[in-house]
Amino acid sequence: ERELVASVSSDEITNYAESVKGRFTISRDNAKNTVYLQMNSLKPEDTA
């Protein structure tokens, strides 16, 4: 099933799935209407 990995609100509040905490970072550039996901220490189970 599809699962939530990370989210960021307009006031920069972030949430992460427990499985990616400490490894992934979500960030947002409001001027560019762009969101990023930095993924570190990747595991085979991150394949998706």
ModelCIF file with pLDDT and N, C-alpha, C, O atoms, coordinates in Angstrom:
data_MODEL
#
_entry.id   MODEL 
#
_entity.id                         1 
_entity.type                       polymer 
_entity.pdbx_number_of_molecules   1 
#
_entity_poly.entity_id                      1 
_entity_poly.type                           'polypeptide(L)' 
_entity_poly.nstd_linkage                   no 
_entity_poly.nstd_monomer                   no 
_entity_poly.pdbx_seq_one_letter_code       ERELVASVSSDEITNYAESVKGRFTISRDNAKNTVYLQMNSLKPEDTA 
_entity_poly.pdbx_seq_one_letter_code_can   ERELVASVSSDEITNYAESVKGRFTISRDNAKNTVYLQMNSLKPEDTA 
_entity_poly.pdbx_strand_id                 A 
#
loop_
_entity_poly_seq.entity_id 
_entity_poly_seq.num 
_entity_poly_seq.mon_id 
_entity_poly_seq.hetero 
1 1  GLU n 
1 2  ARG n 
1 3  GLU n 
1 4  LEU n 
1 5  VAL n 
1 6  ALA n 
1 7  SER n 
1 8  VAL n 
1 9  SER n 
1 10 SER n 
1 11 ASP n 
1 12 GLU n 
1 13 ILE n 
1 14 THR n 
1 15 ASN n 
1 16 TYR n 
1 17 ALA n 
1 18 GLU n 
1 19 SER n 
1 20 VAL n 
1 21 LYS n 
1 22 GLY n 
1 23 ARG n 
1 24 PHE n 
1 25 THR n 
1 26 ILE n 
1 27 SER n 
1 28 ARG n 
1 29 ASP n 
1 30 ASN n 
1 31 ALA n 
1 32 LYS n 
1 33 ASN n 
1 34 THR n 
1 35 VAL n 
1 36 TYR n 
1 37 LEU n 
1 38 GLN n 
1 39 MET n 
1 40 ASN n 
1 41 SER n 
1 42 LEU n 
1 43 LYS n 
1 44 PRO n 
1 45 GLU n 
1 46 ASP n 
1 47 THR n 
1 48 ALA n 
#
_struct_asym.id          A 
_struct_asym.entity_id   1 
#
loop_
_ma_qa_metric.id 
_ma_qa_metric.mode 
_ma_qa_metric.name 
_ma_qa_metric.software_group_id 
_ma_qa_metric.type 
1 global pLDDT . pLDDT 
2 local  pLDDT . pLDDT 
#
_ma_qa_metric_global.metric_id      1 
_ma_qa_metric_global.metric_value   96.69 
_ma_qa_metric_global.model_id       1 
_ma_qa_metric_global.ordinal_id     1 
#
loop_
_ma_qa_metric_local.label_asym_id 
_ma_qa_metric_local.label_comp_id 
_ma_qa_metric_local.label_seq_id 
_ma_qa_metric_local.metric_id 
_ma_qa_metric_local.metric_value 
_ma_qa_metric_local.model_id 
_ma_qa_metric_local.ordinal_id 
A GLU 1  2 97.00 1 1  
A ARG 2  2 97.00 1 2  
A GLU 3  2 98.00 1 3  
A LEU 4  2 98.00 1 4  
A VAL 5  2 98.00 1 5  
A ALA 6  2 98.00 1 6  
A SER 7  2 98.00 1 7  
A VAL 8  2 97.00 1 8  
A SER 9  2 95.00 1 9  
A SER 10 2 90.00 1 10 
A ASP 11 2 90.00 1 11 
A GLU 12 2 91.00 1 12 
A ILE 13 2 96.00 1 13 
A THR 14 2 98.00 1 14 
A ASN 15 2 98.00 1 15 
A TYR 16 2 98.00 1 16 
A ALA 17 2 98.00 1 17 
A GLU 18 2 98.00 1 18 
A SER 19 2 98.00 1 19 
A VAL 20 2 98.00 1 20 
A LYS 21 2 98.00 1 21 
A GLY 22 2 98.00 1 22 
A ARG 23 2 98.00 1 23 
A PHE 24 2 98.00 1 24 
A THR 25 2 98.00 1 25 
A ILE 26 2 98.00 1 26 
A SER 27 2 97.00 1 27 
A ARG 28 2 95.00 1 28 
A ASP 29 2 94.00 1 29 
A ASN 30 2 91.00 1 30 
A ALA 31 2 92.00 1 31 
A LYS 32 2 94.00 1 32 
A ASN 33 2 95.00 1 33 
A THR 34 2 96.00 1 34 
A VAL 35 2 97.00 1 35 
A TYR 36 2 98.00 1 36 
A LEU 37 2 98.00 1 37 
A GLN 38 2 98.00 1 38 
A MET 39 2 98.00 1 39 
A ASN 40 2 98.00 1 40 
A SER 41 2 98.00 1 41 
A LEU 42 2 98.00 1 42 
A LYS 43 2 98.00 1 43 
A PRO 44 2 98.00 1 44 
A GLU 45 2 97.00 1 45 
A ASP 46 2 98.00 1 46 
A THR 47 2 98.00 1 47 
A ALA 48 2 98.00 1 48 
#
loop_
_atom_site.group_PDB 
_atom_site.id 
_atom_site.type_symbol 
_atom_site.label_atom_id 
_atom_site.label_alt_id 
_atom_site.label_comp_id 
_atom_site.label_asym_id 
_atom_site.label_entity_id 
_atom_site.label_seq_id 
_atom_site.pdbx_PDB_ins_code 
_atom_site.Cartn_x 
_atom_site.Cartn_y 
_atom_site.Cartn_z 
_atom_site.occupancy 
_atom_site.B_iso_or_equiv 
_atom_site.pdbx_formal_charge 
_atom_site.auth_seq_id 
_atom_site.auth_comp_id 
_atom_site.auth_asym_id 
_atom_site.auth_atom_id 
_atom_site.pdbx_PDB_model_num 
ATOM 1   N N  . GLU A 1 1  ? 0.828  -1.199 0.000  1.00 97.00 ? 1  GLU A N  1 
ATOM 2   C CA . GLU A 1 1  ? 0.000  0.000  0.000  1.00 97.00 ? 1  GLU A CA 1 
ATOM 3   C C  . GLU A 1 1  ? 0.864  1.252  0.000  1.00 97.00 ? 1  GLU A C  1 
ATOM 4   O O  . GLU A 1 1  ? 2.002  1.241  0.470  1.00 97.00 ? 1  GLU A O  1 
ATOM 5   N N  . ARG A 1 2  ? 0.309  2.319  -0.530 1.00 97.00 ? 2  ARG A N  1 
ATOM 6   C CA . ARG A 1 2  ? 0.970  3.618  -0.476 1.00 97.00 ? 2  ARG A CA 1 
ATOM 7   C C  . ARG A 1 2  ? 1.074  4.088  0.975  1.00 97.00 ? 2  ARG A C  1 
ATOM 8   O O  . ARG A 1 2  ? 0.136  3.914  1.753  1.00 97.00 ? 2  ARG A O  1 
ATOM 9   N N  . GLU A 1 3  ? 2.200  4.675  1.336  1.00 98.00 ? 3  GLU A N  1 
ATOM 10  C CA . GLU A 1 3  ? 2.395  5.150  2.692  1.00 98.00 ? 3  GLU A CA 1 
ATOM 11  C C  . GLU A 1 3  ? 3.015  6.544  2.694  1.00 98.00 ? 3  GLU A C  1 
ATOM 12  O O  . GLU A 1 3  ? 3.776  6.909  1.798  1.00 98.00 ? 3  GLU A O  1 
ATOM 13  N N  . LEU A 1 4  ? 2.673  7.302  3.713  1.00 98.00 ? 4  LEU A N  1 
ATOM 14  C CA . LEU A 1 4  ? 3.259  8.628  3.898  1.00 98.00 ? 4  LEU A CA 1 
ATOM 15  C C  . LEU A 1 4  ? 4.691  8.489  4.389  1.00 98.00 ? 4  LEU A C  1 
ATOM 16  O O  . LEU A 1 4  ? 4.961  7.755  5.340  1.00 98.00 ? 4  LEU A O  1 
ATOM 17  N N  . VAL A 1 5  ? 5.605  9.196  3.737  1.00 98.00 ? 5  VAL A N  1 
ATOM 18  C CA . VAL A 1 5  ? 7.007  9.199  4.128  1.00 98.00 ? 5  VAL A CA 1 
ATOM 19  C C  . VAL A 1 5  ? 7.330  10.423 4.972  1.00 98.00 ? 5  VAL A C  1 
ATOM 20  O O  . VAL A 1 5  ? 7.899  10.303 6.057  1.00 98.00 ? 5  VAL A O  1 
ATOM 21  N N  . ALA A 1 6  ? 6.966  11.605 4.474  1.00 98.00 ? 6  ALA A N  1 
ATOM 22  C CA . ALA A 1 6  ? 7.263  12.849 5.172  1.00 98.00 ? 6  ALA A CA 1 
ATOM 23  C C  . ALA A 1 6  ? 6.363  13.948 4.645  1.00 98.00 ? 6  ALA A C  1 
ATOM 24  O O  . ALA A 1 6  ? 5.920  13.895 3.498  1.00 98.00 ? 6  ALA A O  1 
ATOM 25  N N  . SER A 1 7  ? 6.091  14.939 5.472  1.00 98.00 ? 7  SER A N  1 
ATOM 26  C CA . SER A 1 7  ? 5.282  16.077 5.068  1.00 98.00 ? 7  SER A CA 1 
ATOM 27  C C  . SER A 1 7  ? 5.818  17.341 5.703  1.00 98.00 ? 7  SER A C  1 
ATOM 28  O O  . SER A 1 7  ? 6.499  17.299 6.727  1.00 98.00 ? 7  SER A O  1 
ATOM 29  N N  . VAL A 1 8  ? 5.502  18.468 5.084  1.00 97.00 ? 8  VAL A N  1 
ATOM 30  C CA . VAL A 1 8  ? 5.888  19.765 5.621  1.00 97.00 ? 8  VAL A CA 1 
ATOM 31  C C  . VAL A 1 8  ? 4.752  20.747 5.370  1.00 97.00 ? 8  VAL A C  1 
ATOM 32  O O  . VAL A 1 8  ? 4.222  20.822 4.261  1.00 97.00 ? 8  VAL A O  1 
ATOM 33  N N  . SER A 1 9  ? 4.383  21.494 6.396  1.00 95.00 ? 9  SER A N  1 
ATOM 34  C CA . SER A 1 9  ? 3.292  22.454 6.300  1.00 95.00 ? 9  SER A CA 1 
ATOM 35  C C  . SER A 1 9  ? 3.808  23.821 5.878  1.00 95.00 ? 9  SER A C  1 
ATOM 36  O O  . SER A 1 9  ? 5.013  24.027 5.735  1.00 95.00 ? 9  SER A O  1 
ATOM 37  N N  . SER A 1 10 ? 2.879  24.752 5.682  1.00 90.00 ? 10 SER A N  1 
ATOM 38  C CA . SER A 1 10 ? 3.254  26.105 5.273  1.00 90.00 ? 10 SER A CA 1 
ATOM 39  C C  . SER A 1 10 ? 4.054  26.832 6.342  1.00 90.00 ? 10 SER A C  1 
ATOM 40  O O  . SER A 1 10 ? 4.825  27.738 6.024  1.00 90.00 ? 10 SER A O  1 
ATOM 41  N N  . ASP A 1 11 ? 3.885  26.454 7.597  1.00 90.00 ? 11 ASP A N  1 
ATOM 42  C CA . ASP A 1 11 ? 4.670  27.044 8.676  1.00 90.00 ? 11 ASP A CA 1 
ATOM 43  C C  . ASP A 1 11 ? 5.870  26.178 9.061  1.00 90.00 ? 11 ASP A C  1 
ATOM 44  O O  . ASP A 1 11 ? 6.412  26.306 10.159 1.00 90.00 ? 11 ASP A O  1 
ATOM 45  N N  . GLU A 1 12 ? 6.277  25.297 8.148  1.00 91.00 ? 12 GLU A N  1 
ATOM 46  C CA . GLU A 1 12 ? 7.518  24.517 8.239  1.00 91.00 ? 12 GLU A CA 1 
ATOM 47  C C  . GLU A 1 12 ? 7.484  23.414 9.296  1.00 91.00 ? 12 GLU A C  1 
ATOM 48  O O  . GLU A 1 12 ? 8.538  22.930 9.711  1.00 91.00 ? 12 GLU A O  1 
ATOM 49  N N  . ILE A 1 13 ? 6.306  23.013 9.734  1.00 96.00 ? 13 ILE A N  1 
ATOM 50  C CA . ILE A 1 13 ? 6.202  21.869 10.633 1.00 96.00 ? 13 ILE A CA 1 
ATOM 51  C C  . ILE A 1 13 ? 6.348  20.591 9.816  1.00 96.00 ? 13 ILE A C  1 
ATOM 52  O O  . ILE A 1 13 ? 5.685  20.422 8.792  1.00 96.00 ? 13 ILE A O  1 
ATOM 53  N N  . THR A 1 14 ? 7.214  19.697 10.268 1.00 98.00 ? 14 THR A N  1 
ATOM 54  C CA . THR A 1 14 ? 7.498  18.470 9.539  1.00 98.00 ? 14 THR A CA 1 
ATOM 55  C C  . THR A 1 14 ? 7.036  17.244 10.301 1.00 98.00 ? 14 THR A C  1 
ATOM 56  O O  . THR A 1 14 ? 6.979  17.240 11.530 1.00 98.00 ? 14 THR A O  1 
ATOM 57  N N  . ASN A 1 15 ? 6.706  16.201 9.547  1.00 98.00 ? 15 ASN A N  1 
ATOM 58  C CA . ASN A 1 15 ? 6.351  14.907 10.100 1.00 98.00 ? 15 ASN A CA 1 
ATOM 59  C C  . ASN A 1 15 ? 7.023  13.824 9.278  1.00 98.00 ? 15 ASN A C  1 
ATOM 60  O O  . ASN A 1 15 ? 7.173  13.959 8.063  1.00 98.00 ? 15 ASN A O  1 
ATOM 61  N N  . TYR A 1 16 ? 7.428  12.747 9.944  1.00 98.00 ? 16 TYR A N  1 
ATOM 62  C CA . TYR A 1 16 ? 8.121  11.652 9.279  1.00 98.00 ? 16 TYR A CA 1 
ATOM 63  C C  . TYR A 1 16 ? 7.549  10.312 9.699  1.00 98.00 ? 16 TYR A C  1 
ATOM 64  O O  . TYR A 1 16 ? 7.108  10.131 10.834 1.00 98.00 ? 16 TYR A O  1 
ATOM 65  N N  . ALA A 1 17 ? 7.565  9.385  8.766  1.00 98.00 ? 17 ALA A N  1 
ATOM 66  C CA . ALA A 1 17 ? 7.283  8.008  9.125  1.00 98.00 ? 17 ALA A CA 1 
ATOM 67  C C  . ALA A 1 17 ? 8.383  7.494  10.048 1.00 98.00 ? 17 ALA A C  1 
ATOM 68  O O  . ALA A 1 17 ? 9.546  7.872  9.904  1.00 98.00 ? 17 ALA A O  1 
ATOM 69  N N  . GLU A 1 18 ? 8.018  6.642  10.987 1.00 98.00 ? 18 GLU A N  1 
ATOM 70  C CA . GLU A 1 18 ? 8.987  6.132  11.949 1.00 98.00 ? 18 GLU A CA 1 
ATOM 71  C C  . GLU A 1 18 ? 10.157 5.431  11.260 1.00 98.00 ? 18 GLU A C  1 
ATOM 72  O O  . GLU A 1 18 ? 11.286 5.489  11.746 1.00 98.00 ? 18 GLU A O  1 
ATOM 73  N N  . SER A 1 19 ? 9.900  4.783  10.153 1.00 98.00 ? 19 SER A N  1 
ATOM 74  C CA . SER A 1 19 ? 10.923 4.016  9.460  1.00 98.00 ? 19 SER A CA 1 
ATOM 75  C C  . SER A 1 19 ? 12.013 4.876  8.820  1.00 98.00 ? 19 SER A C  1 
ATOM 76  O O  . SER A 1 19 ? 13.078 4.363  8.478  1.00 98.00 ? 19 SER A O  1 
ATOM 77  N N  . VAL A 1 20 ? 11.760 6.177  8.655  1.00 98.00 ? 20 VAL A N  1 
ATOM 78  C CA . VAL A 1 20 ? 12.745 7.042  8.002  1.00 98.00 ? 20 VAL A CA 1 
ATOM 79  C C  . VAL A 1 20 ? 13.291 8.124  8.920  1.00 98.00 ? 20 VAL A C  1 
ATOM 80  O O  . VAL A 1 20 ? 14.162 8.888  8.503  1.00 98.00 ? 20 VAL A O  1 
ATOM 81  N N  . LYS A 1 21 ? 12.816 8.216  10.140 1.00 98.00 ? 21 LYS A N  1 
ATOM 82  C CA . LYS A 1 21 ? 13.299 9.236  11.071 1.00 98.00 ? 21 LYS A CA 1 
ATOM 83  C C  . LYS A 1 21 ? 14.799 9.104  11.292 1.00 98.00 ? 21 LYS A C  1 
ATOM 84  O O  . LYS A 1 21 ? 15.321 8.010  11.513 1.00 98.00 ? 21 LYS A O  1 
ATOM 85  N N  . GLY A 1 22 ? 15.471 10.231 11.228 1.00 98.00 ? 22 GLY A N  1 
ATOM 86  C CA . GLY A 1 22 ? 16.910 10.245 11.396 1.00 98.00 ? 22 GLY A CA 1 
ATOM 87  C C  . GLY A 1 22 ? 17.686 9.991  10.128 1.00 98.00 ? 22 GLY A C  1 
ATOM 88  O O  . GLY A 1 22 ? 18.896 10.211 10.092 1.00 98.00 ? 22 GLY A O  1 
ATOM 89  N N  . ARG A 1 23 ? 17.018 9.532  9.085  1.00 98.00 ? 23 ARG A N  1 
ATOM 90  C CA . ARG A 1 23 ? 17.682 9.248  7.817  1.00 98.00 ? 23 ARG A CA 1 
ATOM 91  C C  . ARG A 1 23 ? 17.237 10.185 6.695  1.00 98.00 ? 23 ARG A C  1 
ATOM 92  O O  . ARG A 1 23 ? 18.043 10.567 5.847  1.00 98.00 ? 23 ARG A O  1 
ATOM 93  N N  . PHE A 1 24 ? 15.962 10.551 6.689  1.00 98.00 ? 24 PHE A N  1 
ATOM 94  C CA . PHE A 1 24 ? 15.402 11.403 5.638  1.00 98.00 ? 24 PHE A CA 1 
ATOM 95  C C  . PHE A 1 24 ? 15.117 12.794 6.194  1.00 98.00 ? 24 PHE A C  1 
ATOM 96  O O  . PHE A 1 24 ? 14.802 12.953 7.373  1.00 98.00 ? 24 PHE A O  1 
ATOM 97  N N  . THR A 1 25 ? 15.230 13.796 5.330  1.00 98.00 ? 25 THR A N  1 
ATOM 98  C CA . THR A 1 25 ? 14.896 15.160 5.696  1.00 98.00 ? 25 THR A CA 1 
ATOM 99  C C  . THR A 1 25 ? 14.069 15.797 4.588  1.00 98.00 ? 25 THR A C  1 
ATOM 100 O O  . THR A 1 25 ? 14.481 15.806 3.428  1.00 98.00 ? 25 THR A O  1 
ATOM 101 N N  . ILE A 1 26 ? 12.902 16.328 4.944  1.00 98.00 ? 26 ILE A N  1 
ATOM 102 C CA . ILE A 1 26 ? 12.070 17.036 3.989  1.00 98.00 ? 26 ILE A CA 1 
ATOM 103 C C  . ILE A 1 26 ? 12.282 18.533 4.171  1.00 98.00 ? 26 ILE A C  1 
ATOM 104 O O  . ILE A 1 26 ? 12.404 19.012 5.298  1.00 98.00 ? 26 ILE A O  1 
ATOM 105 N N  . SER A 1 27 ? 12.327 19.264 3.078  1.00 97.00 ? 27 SER A N  1 
ATOM 106 C CA . SER A 1 27 ? 12.482 20.704 3.129  1.00 97.00 ? 27 SER A CA 1 
ATOM 107 C C  . SER A 1 27 ? 11.676 21.338 2.007  1.00 97.00 ? 27 SER A C  1 
ATOM 108 O O  . SER A 1 27 ? 11.274 20.671 1.053  1.00 97.00 ? 27 SER A O  1 
ATOM 109 N N  . ARG A 1 28 ? 11.450 22.627 2.139  1.00 95.00 ? 28 ARG A N  1 
ATOM 110 C CA . ARG A 1 28 ? 10.555 23.322 1.223  1.00 95.00 ? 28 ARG A CA 1 
ATOM 111 C C  . ARG A 1 28 ? 11.123 24.685 0.865  1.00 95.00 ? 28 ARG A C  1 
ATOM 112 O O  . ARG A 1 28 ? 11.584 25.425 1.734  1.00 95.00 ? 28 ARG A O  1 
ATOM 113 N N  . ASP A 1 29 ? 11.088 25.008 -0.411 1.00 94.00 ? 29 ASP A N  1 
ATOM 114 C CA . ASP A 1 29 ? 11.496 26.314 -0.910 1.00 94.00 ? 29 ASP A CA 1 
ATOM 115 C C  . ASP A 1 29 ? 10.245 26.992 -1.442 1.00 94.00 ? 29 ASP A C  1 
ATOM 116 O O  . ASP A 1 29 ? 9.810  26.713 -2.559 1.00 94.00 ? 29 ASP A O  1 
ATOM 117 N N  . ASN A 1 30 ? 9.670  27.878 -0.649 1.00 91.00 ? 30 ASN A N  1 
ATOM 118 C CA . ASN A 1 30 ? 8.407  28.501 -1.016 1.00 91.00 ? 30 ASN A CA 1 
ATOM 119 C C  . ASN A 1 30 ? 8.523  29.386 -2.259 1.00 91.00 ? 30 ASN A C  1 
ATOM 120 O O  . ASN A 1 30 ? 7.586  29.475 -3.052 1.00 91.00 ? 30 ASN A O  1 
ATOM 121 N N  . ALA A 1 31 ? 9.668  30.035 -2.425 1.00 92.00 ? 31 ALA A N  1 
ATOM 122 C CA . ALA A 1 31 ? 9.858  30.903 -3.580 1.00 92.00 ? 31 ALA A CA 1 
ATOM 123 C C  . ALA A 1 31 ? 9.843  30.121 -4.884 1.00 92.00 ? 31 ALA A C  1 
ATOM 124 O O  . ALA A 1 31 ? 9.462  30.655 -5.925 1.00 92.00 ? 31 ALA A O  1 
ATOM 125 N N  . LYS A 1 32 ? 10.255 28.859 -4.834 1.00 94.00 ? 32 LYS A N  1 
ATOM 126 C CA . LYS A 1 32 ? 10.310 28.019 -6.023 1.00 94.00 ? 32 LYS A CA 1 
ATOM 127 C C  . LYS A 1 32 ? 9.168  27.015 -6.103 1.00 94.00 ? 32 LYS A C  1 
ATOM 128 O O  . LYS A 1 32 ? 9.102  26.227 -7.047 1.00 94.00 ? 32 LYS A O  1 
ATOM 129 N N  . ASN A 1 33 ? 8.266  27.034 -5.122 1.00 95.00 ? 33 ASN A N  1 
ATOM 130 C CA . ASN A 1 33 ? 7.173  26.054 -5.053 1.00 95.00 ? 33 ASN A CA 1 
ATOM 131 C C  . ASN A 1 33 ? 7.702  24.628 -5.173 1.00 95.00 ? 33 ASN A C  1 
ATOM 132 O O  . ASN A 1 33 ? 7.149  23.804 -5.901 1.00 95.00 ? 33 ASN A O  1 
ATOM 133 N N  . THR A 1 34 ? 8.772  24.357 -4.451 1.00 96.00 ? 34 THR A N  1 
ATOM 134 C CA . THR A 1 34 ? 9.477  23.091 -4.566 1.00 96.00 ? 34 THR A CA 1 
ATOM 135 C C  . THR A 1 34 ? 9.672  22.450 -3.200 1.00 96.00 ? 34 THR A C  1 
ATOM 136 O O  . THR A 1 34 ? 9.948  23.132 -2.213 1.00 96.00 ? 34 THR A O  1 
ATOM 137 N N  . VAL A 1 35 ? 9.524  21.139 -3.158 1.00 97.00 ? 35 VAL A N  1 
ATOM 138 C CA . VAL A 1 35 ? 9.803  20.359 -1.963 1.00 97.00 ? 35 VAL A CA 1 
ATOM 139 C C  . VAL A 1 35 ? 10.895 19.349 -2.292 1.00 97.00 ? 35 VAL A C  1 
ATOM 140 O O  . VAL A 1 35 ? 10.951 18.818 -3.400 1.00 97.00 ? 35 VAL A O  1 
ATOM 141 N N  . TYR A 1 36 ? 11.760 19.092 -1.318 1.00 98.00 ? 36 TYR A N  1 
ATOM 142 C CA . TYR A 1 36 ? 12.868 18.169 -1.488 1.00 98.00 ? 36 TYR A CA 1 
ATOM 143 C C  . TYR A 1 36 ? 12.792 17.059 -0.447 1.00 98.00 ? 36 TYR A C  1 
ATOM 144 O O  . TYR A 1 36 ? 12.230 17.239 0.633  1.00 98.00 ? 36 TYR A O  1 
ATOM 145 N N  . LEU A 1 37 ? 13.357 15.928 -0.785 1.00 98.00 ? 37 LEU A N  1 
ATOM 146 C CA . LEU A 1 37 ? 13.534 14.858 0.181  1.00 98.00 ? 37 LEU A CA 1 
ATOM 147 C C  . LEU A 1 37 ? 14.970 14.369 0.085  1.00 98.00 ? 37 LEU A C  1 
ATOM 148 O O  . LEU A 1 37 ? 15.359 13.738 -0.898 1.00 98.00 ? 37 LEU A O  1 
ATOM 149 N N  . GLN A 1 38 ? 15.754 14.665 1.114  1.00 98.00 ? 38 GLN A N  1 
ATOM 150 C CA . GLN A 1 38 ? 17.117 14.176 1.204  1.00 98.00 ? 38 GLN A CA 1 
ATOM 151 C C  . GLN A 1 38 ? 17.083 12.821 1.896  1.00 98.00 ? 38 GLN A C  1 
ATOM 152 O O  . GLN A 1 38 ? 16.629 12.716 3.036  1.00 98.00 ? 38 GLN A O  1 
ATOM 153 N N  . MET A 1 39 ? 17.556 11.794 1.220  1.00 98.00 ? 39 MET A N  1 
ATOM 154 C CA . MET A 1 39 ? 17.512 10.432 1.729  1.00 98.00 ? 39 MET A CA 1 
ATOM 155 C C  . MET A 1 39 ? 18.932 9.934  1.944  1.00 98.00 ? 39 MET A C  1 
ATOM 156 O O  . MET A 1 39 ? 19.709 9.813  0.997  1.00 98.00 ? 39 MET A O  1 
ATOM 157 N N  . ASN A 1 40 ? 19.262 9.649  3.190  1.00 98.00 ? 40 ASN A N  1 
ATOM 158 C CA . ASN A 1 40 ? 20.578 9.147  3.561  1.00 98.00 ? 40 ASN A CA 1 
ATOM 159 C C  . ASN A 1 40 ? 20.456 7.747  4.149  1.00 98.00 ? 40 ASN A C  1 
ATOM 160 O O  . ASN A 1 40 ? 19.372 7.315  4.543  1.00 98.00 ? 40 ASN A O  1 
ATOM 161 N N  . SER A 1 41 ? 21.579 7.052  4.199  1.00 98.00 ? 41 SER A N  1 
ATOM 162 C CA . SER A 1 41 ? 21.622 5.701  4.766  1.00 98.00 ? 41 SER A CA 1 
ATOM 163 C C  . SER A 1 41 ? 20.523 4.815  4.192  1.00 98.00 ? 41 SER A C  1 
ATOM 164 O O  . SER A 1 41 ? 19.798 4.145  4.927  1.00 98.00 ? 41 SER A O  1 
ATOM 165 N N  . LEU A 1 42 ? 20.415 4.823  2.894  1.00 98.00 ? 42 LEU A N  1 
ATOM 166 C CA . LEU A 1 42 ? 19.320 4.118  2.227  1.00 98.00 ? 42 LEU A CA 1 
ATOM 167 C C  . LEU A 1 42 ? 19.432 2.608  2.410  1.00 98.00 ? 42 LEU A C  1 
ATOM 168 O O  . LEU A 1 42 ? 20.524 2.042  2.451  1.00 98.00 ? 42 LEU A O  1 
ATOM 169 N N  . LYS A 1 43 ? 18.270 1.981  2.520  1.00 98.00 ? 43 LYS A N  1 
ATOM 170 C CA . LYS A 1 43 ? 18.149 0.548  2.715  1.00 98.00 ? 43 LYS A CA 1 
ATOM 171 C C  . LYS A 1 43 ? 17.364 -0.057 1.567  1.00 98.00 ? 43 LYS A C  1 
ATOM 172 O O  . LYS A 1 43 ? 16.588 0.646  0.920  1.00 98.00 ? 43 LYS A O  1 
ATOM 173 N N  . PRO A 1 44 ? 17.546 -1.348 1.295  1.00 98.00 ? 44 PRO A N  1 
ATOM 174 C CA . PRO A 1 44 ? 16.758 -1.983 0.230  1.00 98.00 ? 44 PRO A CA 1 
ATOM 175 C C  . PRO A 1 44 ? 15.253 -1.818 0.422  1.00 98.00 ? 44 PRO A C  1 
ATOM 176 O O  . PRO A 1 44 ? 14.518 -1.716 -0.561 1.00 98.00 ? 44 PRO A O  1 
ATOM 177 N N  . GLU A 1 45 ? 14.783 -1.788 1.660  1.00 97.00 ? 45 GLU A N  1 
ATOM 178 C CA . GLU A 1 45 ? 13.364 -1.625 1.914  1.00 97.00 ? 45 GLU A CA 1 
ATOM 179 C C  . GLU A 1 45 ? 12.840 -0.225 1.599  1.00 97.00 ? 45 GLU A C  1 
ATOM 180 O O  . GLU A 1 45 ? 11.632 0.004  1.648  1.00 97.00 ? 45 GLU A O  1 
ATOM 181 N N  . ASP A 1 46 ? 13.731 0.711  1.278  1.00 98.00 ? 46 ASP A N  1 
ATOM 182 C CA . ASP A 1 46 ? 13.308 2.033  0.810  1.00 98.00 ? 46 ASP A CA 1 
ATOM 183 C C  . ASP A 1 46 ? 12.943 2.026  -0.669 1.00 98.00 ? 46 ASP A C  1 
ATOM 184 O O  . ASP A 1 46 ? 12.418 3.016  -1.178 1.00 98.00 ? 46 ASP A O  1 
ATOM 185 N N  . THR A 1 47 ? 13.211 0.940  -1.356 1.00 98.00 ? 47 THR A N  1 
ATOM 186 C CA . THR A 1 47 ? 12.893 0.840  -2.776 1.00 98.00 ? 47 THR A CA 1 
ATOM 187 C C  . THR A 1 47 ? 11.396 0.997  -2.996 1.00 98.00 ? 47 THR A C  1 
ATOM 188 O O  . THR A 1 47 ? 10.594 0.267  -2.412 1.00 98.00 ? 47 THR A O  1 
ATOM 189 N N  . ALA A 1 48 ? 11.024 1.952  -3.840 1.00 98.00 ? 48 ALA A N  1 
ATOM 190 C CA . ALA A 1 48 ? 9.617  2.241  -4.089 1.00 98.00 ? 48 ALA A CA 1 
ATOM 191 C C  . ALA A 1 48 ? 9.508  3.324  -5.149 1.00 98.00 ? 48 ALA A C  1 
ATOM 192 O O  . ALA A 1 48 ? 8.402  3.723  -5.513 1.00 98.00 ? 48 ALA A O  1 
#
